[in-house]
Protein backbone atom coordinates (compact mmCIF):
# COMPACT_ATOMS: atom_id res chain seq x y z
CA UNK A 1 120.70 218.22 46.22
CA UNK A 2 121.13 214.57 45.49
CA UNK A 3 118.16 212.26 45.93
CA UNK A 4 120.18 209.93 48.10
CA UNK A 5 122.80 210.90 50.69
CA UNK A 6 125.56 208.96 52.38
CA UNK A 7 126.23 208.88 56.10
CA UNK A 8 129.66 208.96 57.73
CA UNK A 9 131.37 208.88 61.10
CA UNK A 10 134.03 211.57 61.54
CA UNK A 11 136.34 211.86 64.54
CA UNK A 12 138.19 215.00 65.66
CA UNK A 13 141.23 215.56 67.89
CA UNK A 14 139.60 215.88 71.33
CA UNK A 15 142.55 217.85 72.72
CA UNK A 16 141.21 220.88 70.83
CA UNK A 17 137.41 220.62 70.99
CA UNK A 18 136.96 224.40 71.35
CA UNK A 19 138.97 225.00 68.17
CA UNK A 20 136.86 222.58 66.13
CA UNK A 21 133.59 223.93 67.56
CA UNK A 22 134.53 227.54 66.81
CA UNK A 23 135.52 226.72 63.23
CA UNK A 24 132.41 224.63 62.59
CA UNK A 25 130.27 227.62 63.57
CA UNK A 26 131.93 229.29 60.55
CA UNK A 27 130.90 226.27 58.41
CA UNK A 28 134.45 224.90 58.37
CA UNK A 29 135.24 221.34 59.49
CA UNK A 30 138.93 220.69 60.20
CA UNK A 31 140.85 217.42 60.40
CA UNK A 32 144.20 216.51 61.90
CA UNK A 33 147.38 215.00 60.45
CA UNK A 34 147.75 218.17 58.43
CA UNK A 35 150.91 219.65 59.89
CA UNK A 36 153.17 219.52 56.79
CA UNK A 37 152.71 221.35 53.49
CA UNK A 38 153.21 218.08 51.63
CA UNK A 39 150.08 216.60 53.24
CA UNK A 40 147.66 218.42 50.93
CA UNK A 41 145.30 215.62 49.88
CA UNK A 42 145.07 216.94 46.32
CA UNK A 43 148.84 216.96 45.87
CA UNK A 44 150.29 214.79 48.62
CA UNK A 45 154.09 214.50 48.65
CA UNK A 46 154.43 213.58 52.32
CA UNK A 47 152.27 211.09 54.20
CA UNK A 48 152.85 211.20 57.95
CA UNK A 49 149.37 209.76 58.50
CA UNK A 50 147.56 212.06 56.06
CA UNK A 51 146.74 209.29 53.58
CA UNK A 52 144.11 207.99 56.02
CA UNK A 53 142.14 211.16 55.20
CA UNK A 54 142.03 210.55 51.44
CA UNK A 55 138.69 208.77 51.59
CA UNK A 56 137.12 211.95 52.98
CA UNK A 57 137.24 213.33 49.44
CA UNK A 58 134.38 210.91 48.65
CA UNK A 59 131.93 213.01 50.68
CA UNK A 60 129.31 214.70 48.49
CA UNK A 61 127.13 217.74 49.02
CA UNK A 62 124.23 216.83 51.30
CA UNK A 63 125.96 213.91 53.01
CA UNK A 64 125.53 213.70 56.80
CA UNK A 65 128.40 213.16 59.22
CA UNK A 66 128.24 212.19 62.90
CA UNK A 67 131.02 214.02 64.75
CA UNK A 68 131.50 212.81 68.35
CA UNK A 69 132.74 215.25 71.03
CA UNK A 70 131.34 218.35 69.31
CA UNK A 71 130.56 220.95 70.51
CA UNK A 72 131.27 219.48 73.96
CA UNK A 73 132.64 216.22 75.33
CA UNK A 74 129.40 214.29 75.77
CA UNK A 75 127.64 215.61 72.66
CA UNK A 76 127.56 214.62 69.00
CA UNK A 77 127.06 216.99 66.08
CA UNK A 78 125.21 215.97 62.93
CA UNK A 79 126.97 217.89 60.17
CA UNK A 80 125.97 218.34 56.54
CA UNK A 81 128.49 218.74 53.71
CA UNK A 82 127.73 222.04 51.95
CA UNK A 83 129.79 221.14 48.86
CA UNK A 84 131.36 218.05 47.36
CA UNK A 85 134.47 217.76 49.53
CA UNK A 86 136.84 217.12 46.64
CA UNK A 87 135.75 220.42 45.11
CA UNK A 88 135.51 222.39 48.35
CA UNK A 89 138.61 221.04 50.06
CA UNK A 90 141.31 223.50 51.19
CA UNK A 91 144.63 222.98 52.92
CA UNK A 92 145.73 225.65 55.38
CA UNK A 93 147.75 224.73 58.48
CA UNK A 94 146.53 226.53 61.60
CA UNK A 95 149.32 228.89 62.62
CA UNK A 96 148.74 228.60 66.36
CA UNK A 97 148.24 224.81 66.62
CA UNK A 98 150.56 223.99 63.70
CA UNK A 99 148.19 221.23 62.51
CA UNK A 100 144.65 220.62 61.22
CA UNK A 101 145.39 221.82 57.69
CA UNK A 102 142.60 219.76 56.09
CA UNK A 103 139.53 221.97 55.70
CA UNK A 104 136.12 220.77 54.51
CA UNK A 105 132.91 222.78 53.89
CA UNK A 106 130.18 221.74 56.33
CA UNK A 107 127.47 223.10 58.63
CA UNK A 108 125.80 221.85 61.82
CA UNK A 109 122.32 220.41 61.40
CA UNK A 110 121.74 219.56 65.06
CA UNK A 111 123.47 218.44 68.25
CA UNK A 112 122.43 215.55 70.47
CA UNK A 113 123.55 213.90 73.66
CA UNK A 114 124.79 210.38 73.05
CA UNK A 115 122.68 209.20 76.00
CA UNK A 116 119.48 210.83 74.75
CA UNK A 117 116.31 208.77 74.48
CA UNK A 118 116.17 209.35 70.71
CA UNK A 119 119.60 207.76 70.17
CA UNK A 120 119.61 204.08 69.20
CA UNK A 121 121.97 201.47 70.59
CA UNK A 122 123.49 201.06 67.12
CA UNK A 123 124.46 204.75 67.03
CA UNK A 124 125.96 204.54 70.52
CA UNK A 125 127.94 201.55 69.32
CA UNK A 126 129.35 203.22 66.19
CA UNK A 127 130.37 206.25 68.26
CA UNK A 128 132.93 203.97 69.93
CA UNK A 129 134.64 203.34 66.60
CA UNK A 130 138.28 204.48 67.06
CA UNK A 131 138.75 205.33 63.37
CA UNK A 132 138.83 208.91 62.12
CA UNK A 133 136.38 208.29 59.22
CA UNK A 134 133.98 205.45 58.43
CA UNK A 135 130.76 204.79 56.51
CA UNK A 136 127.51 204.39 58.47
CA UNK A 137 124.88 204.19 55.73
CA UNK A 138 123.26 201.33 57.64
CA UNK A 139 122.29 203.88 60.31
CA UNK A 140 120.49 206.21 57.87
CA UNK A 141 117.02 205.71 59.42
CA UNK A 142 118.34 206.17 62.97
CA UNK A 143 120.16 209.39 62.04
CA UNK A 144 117.20 210.78 60.11
CA UNK A 145 115.05 210.16 63.21
CA UNK A 146 117.39 212.36 65.26
CA UNK A 147 117.36 215.10 62.62
CA UNK A 148 113.56 215.03 62.63
CA UNK A 149 113.68 215.64 66.40
CA UNK A 150 115.91 218.71 66.16
CA UNK A 151 113.11 221.02 67.25
CA UNK A 152 112.80 219.12 70.54
CA UNK A 153 115.87 220.19 72.50
CA UNK A 154 114.82 218.26 75.61
CA UNK A 155 114.65 214.99 73.71
CA UNK A 156 117.99 215.60 71.98
CA UNK A 157 120.06 216.89 74.88
CA UNK A 158 118.69 215.33 78.05
CA UNK A 159 120.37 212.30 79.57
CA UNK A 160 118.16 209.25 79.46
CA UNK A 161 118.89 207.90 82.95
CA UNK A 162 120.55 208.66 86.29
CA UNK A 163 123.31 206.23 85.37
CA UNK A 164 124.02 208.03 82.11
CA UNK A 165 124.03 211.40 83.87
CA UNK A 166 126.70 210.06 86.21
CA UNK A 167 128.76 208.67 83.31
CA UNK A 168 128.52 211.95 81.43
CA UNK A 169 129.53 213.99 84.47
CA UNK A 170 132.56 211.77 85.08
CA UNK A 171 133.62 211.99 81.42
CA UNK A 172 133.31 215.79 81.36
CA UNK A 173 135.33 216.23 84.55
CA UNK A 174 137.95 213.76 83.37
CA UNK A 175 138.39 215.60 80.09
CA UNK A 176 138.65 219.00 81.78
CA UNK A 177 141.14 217.79 84.41
CA UNK A 178 143.41 215.50 82.43
CA UNK A 179 145.77 216.66 79.68
CA UNK A 180 146.15 213.43 77.72
CA UNK A 181 148.51 214.91 75.13
CA UNK A 182 150.95 216.19 77.78
CA UNK A 183 150.76 212.88 79.67
CA UNK A 184 151.45 210.93 76.45
CA UNK A 185 154.49 212.99 75.47
CA UNK A 186 156.09 212.96 78.92
CA UNK A 187 155.43 209.26 79.42
CA UNK A 188 156.90 208.42 76.01
CA UNK A 189 160.04 210.48 76.61
CA UNK A 190 160.66 209.18 80.12
CA UNK A 191 160.16 205.54 79.21
CA UNK A 192 162.82 205.92 76.52
CA UNK A 193 165.16 207.38 79.13
CA UNK A 194 164.48 204.67 81.70
CA UNK A 195 164.85 201.54 79.57
CA UNK A 196 167.86 200.34 77.61
CA UNK A 197 167.48 198.22 74.48
CA UNK A 198 167.85 194.96 76.39
CA UNK A 199 165.09 195.99 78.83
CA UNK A 200 162.36 196.87 76.35
CA UNK A 201 161.05 193.30 76.10
CA UNK A 202 160.58 193.00 79.85
CA UNK A 203 159.04 196.47 80.11
CA UNK A 204 156.52 195.77 77.35
CA UNK A 205 155.64 192.38 78.82
CA UNK A 206 154.76 194.11 82.10
CA UNK A 207 152.78 196.74 80.24
CA UNK A 208 150.92 194.35 77.95
CA UNK A 209 149.79 192.35 80.95
CA UNK A 210 147.82 195.46 81.93
CA UNK A 211 146.02 195.46 78.57
CA UNK A 212 145.70 191.66 78.29
CA UNK A 213 144.96 190.47 81.85
CA UNK A 214 145.00 186.94 83.18
CA UNK A 215 143.31 184.50 83.21
CA UNK A 216 141.82 185.26 79.78
CA UNK A 217 145.21 186.10 78.28
CA UNK A 218 148.75 184.89 78.80
CA UNK A 219 151.59 187.30 78.02
CA UNK A 220 155.12 185.97 78.16
CA UNK A 221 158.58 186.86 76.96
CA UNK A 222 159.93 184.26 74.55
CA UNK A 223 163.13 185.94 73.28
CA UNK A 224 166.69 184.92 74.01
CA UNK A 225 168.76 182.15 72.41
CA UNK A 226 165.75 180.30 70.98
CA UNK A 227 164.49 183.44 69.25
CA UNK A 228 166.46 182.39 66.16
CA UNK A 229 163.83 179.64 65.69
CA UNK A 230 160.65 181.62 66.19
CA UNK A 231 161.56 185.29 65.61
CA UNK A 232 159.43 186.37 68.55
CA UNK A 233 160.20 188.40 71.68
CA UNK A 234 156.72 188.40 73.23
CA UNK A 235 153.73 186.10 72.80
CA UNK A 236 150.13 186.90 73.70
CA UNK A 237 147.99 183.77 73.93
CA UNK A 238 144.26 183.33 74.50
CA UNK A 239 141.82 180.49 73.99
CA UNK A 240 138.64 180.05 72.00
CA UNK A 241 136.27 178.13 74.33
CA UNK A 242 134.17 176.95 71.40
CA UNK A 243 136.98 175.28 69.47
CA UNK A 244 139.64 174.80 72.17
CA UNK A 245 142.18 176.49 69.91
CA UNK A 246 144.81 178.80 71.35
CA UNK A 247 145.22 182.00 69.36
CA UNK A 248 148.69 183.52 69.19
CA UNK A 249 149.84 187.11 68.67
CA UNK A 250 153.62 187.11 68.08
CA UNK A 251 155.54 190.31 68.72
CA UNK A 252 159.06 191.21 67.58
CA UNK A 253 160.62 194.25 69.31
CA UNK A 254 163.42 196.39 67.86
CA UNK A 255 164.94 199.36 69.68
CA UNK A 256 166.00 201.45 66.68
CA UNK A 257 166.18 205.23 66.29
CA UNK A 258 165.58 207.29 63.16
CA UNK A 259 166.01 205.25 59.93
CA UNK A 260 165.92 201.43 60.01
CA UNK A 261 168.38 200.05 57.46
CA UNK A 262 168.46 196.25 57.83
CA UNK A 263 164.86 195.83 56.71
CA UNK A 264 165.24 192.46 54.99
CA UNK A 265 166.78 190.87 58.09
CA UNK A 266 164.05 192.26 60.34
CA UNK A 267 161.26 191.06 58.05
CA UNK A 268 162.80 187.58 57.76
CA UNK A 269 163.16 187.38 61.51
CA UNK A 270 159.58 188.52 62.17
CA UNK A 271 158.22 186.04 59.60
CA UNK A 272 159.69 183.20 61.65
CA UNK A 273 156.69 183.70 63.93
CA UNK A 274 154.98 181.03 61.77
CA UNK A 275 156.78 178.70 64.21
CA UNK A 276 153.82 179.20 66.59
CA UNK A 277 151.22 177.97 64.10
CA UNK A 278 151.23 174.37 65.34
CA UNK A 279 150.10 171.90 68.01
CA UNK A 280 146.63 173.40 68.44
CA UNK A 281 147.91 176.97 68.42
CA UNK A 282 146.88 179.31 65.61
CA UNK A 283 148.98 182.37 64.76
CA UNK A 284 146.56 185.25 64.05
CA UNK A 285 148.91 188.24 63.92
CA UNK A 286 152.59 189.12 63.55
CA UNK A 287 153.54 192.44 65.08
CA UNK A 288 156.77 194.41 64.74
CA UNK A 289 157.35 197.14 67.33
CA UNK A 290 160.10 199.68 66.64
CA UNK A 291 160.52 201.68 69.82
CA UNK A 292 162.25 204.92 68.79
CA UNK A 293 161.52 205.56 65.11
CA UNK A 294 158.63 207.02 63.10
CA UNK A 295 156.83 205.66 60.06
CA UNK A 296 157.32 208.80 57.99
CA UNK A 297 161.09 208.24 58.18
CA UNK A 298 160.79 204.57 57.27
CA UNK A 299 158.48 204.24 54.28
CA UNK A 300 160.42 201.22 52.94
CA UNK A 301 159.85 199.38 56.22
CA UNK A 302 156.16 200.29 56.15
CA UNK A 303 155.84 198.88 52.62
CA UNK A 304 157.73 195.66 53.47
CA UNK A 305 155.54 195.04 56.49
CA UNK A 306 152.37 195.45 54.42
CA UNK A 307 153.69 193.05 51.80
CA UNK A 308 154.44 190.45 54.50
CA UNK A 309 151.20 190.91 56.44
CA UNK A 310 153.07 192.25 59.46
CA UNK A 311 151.46 194.84 61.72
CA UNK A 312 153.97 197.66 62.26
CA UNK A 313 153.78 199.72 65.46
CA UNK A 314 156.07 202.69 65.97
CA UNK A 315 156.05 206.41 66.75
CA UNK A 316 152.61 207.81 67.60
CA UNK A 317 150.96 204.37 67.67
CA UNK A 318 153.42 203.11 70.28
CA UNK A 319 152.82 206.29 72.26
CA UNK A 320 149.08 205.59 72.29
CA UNK A 321 149.66 202.05 73.55
CA UNK A 322 151.92 203.31 76.35
CA UNK A 323 149.23 205.80 77.38
CA UNK A 324 146.67 202.97 77.58
CA UNK A 325 149.08 200.96 79.71
CA UNK A 326 149.74 203.96 81.95
CA UNK A 327 146.06 204.68 82.52
CA UNK A 328 145.33 201.02 83.28
CA UNK A 329 148.12 200.94 85.86
CA UNK A 330 146.93 204.20 87.44
CA UNK A 331 143.39 202.85 87.75
CA UNK A 332 144.65 199.64 89.36
CA UNK A 333 147.02 201.32 91.81
CA UNK A 334 144.64 204.09 92.84
CA UNK A 335 141.14 202.58 93.08
CA UNK A 336 138.13 204.64 94.09
CA UNK A 337 137.99 205.41 97.79
CA UNK A 338 141.73 205.62 98.42
CA UNK A 339 143.42 208.89 99.29
């Protein structure tokens, strides 16, 4: 055992909590984005999102990992690596789920409720991190405190307040009742059927207004004839009250399927968003949305966007955004108390 361990956050696919919990009881910790034989981290010939798992090979024997949503929705498992993960890593795609091929050796140390009295605010905060893997060495003392309490099940698993019990109950029922994966796939498919290429800008403007509400944000379509000057279809604008500067997010939208060929033209057009960096406005991000293509089919486009500091959104990432928009609209149209 090493004299000093590292601490990590590790997120699972919450559509299959029971699968992950069952495997972890066998001292196996799975990870997603492992649905293709070429995604083996030790001999990767196909990315498809798997490269985001490469850093997991840094985990050493004895390291601790916080794994939210295991073994149940409102719980967190503290897991210990039983081998160096680079040495103990295996790649075997689950035959039934056709994914989760990344396999790491690990065992459960203890399980706690995120609303327990022994859980610090800093831990609750890091549990909201949307990433699949991140370092949390700064929380070492807080995590060790929880591990030291593992003999006290009441302290680890009891909710700390009436309010937290209510939140936990709502979250558990929501998870059991709502199939997010099915909703995402059907929404994505039907939106593509409903909107033609010329309508995508208007549709996304309506949707983005759900995520960036007035009066804090302004979302407006800016395409058309003048787009040749600024290379932007949609602008999101918000103000910094301390400096009175307007921050700008410029979005270019392309309705392409499969492989995108005219990459140079698209990049040049998107880079024209620098037009907005003037008159008290500060451009903080250029975004390219490709509505009907996937990154794994367009590696050249992915590379060009990185080289030009352009955020590329397509495929699964666009699907996630549409789900967020859909849930926001549902919540607004069907508030509590209405039948």
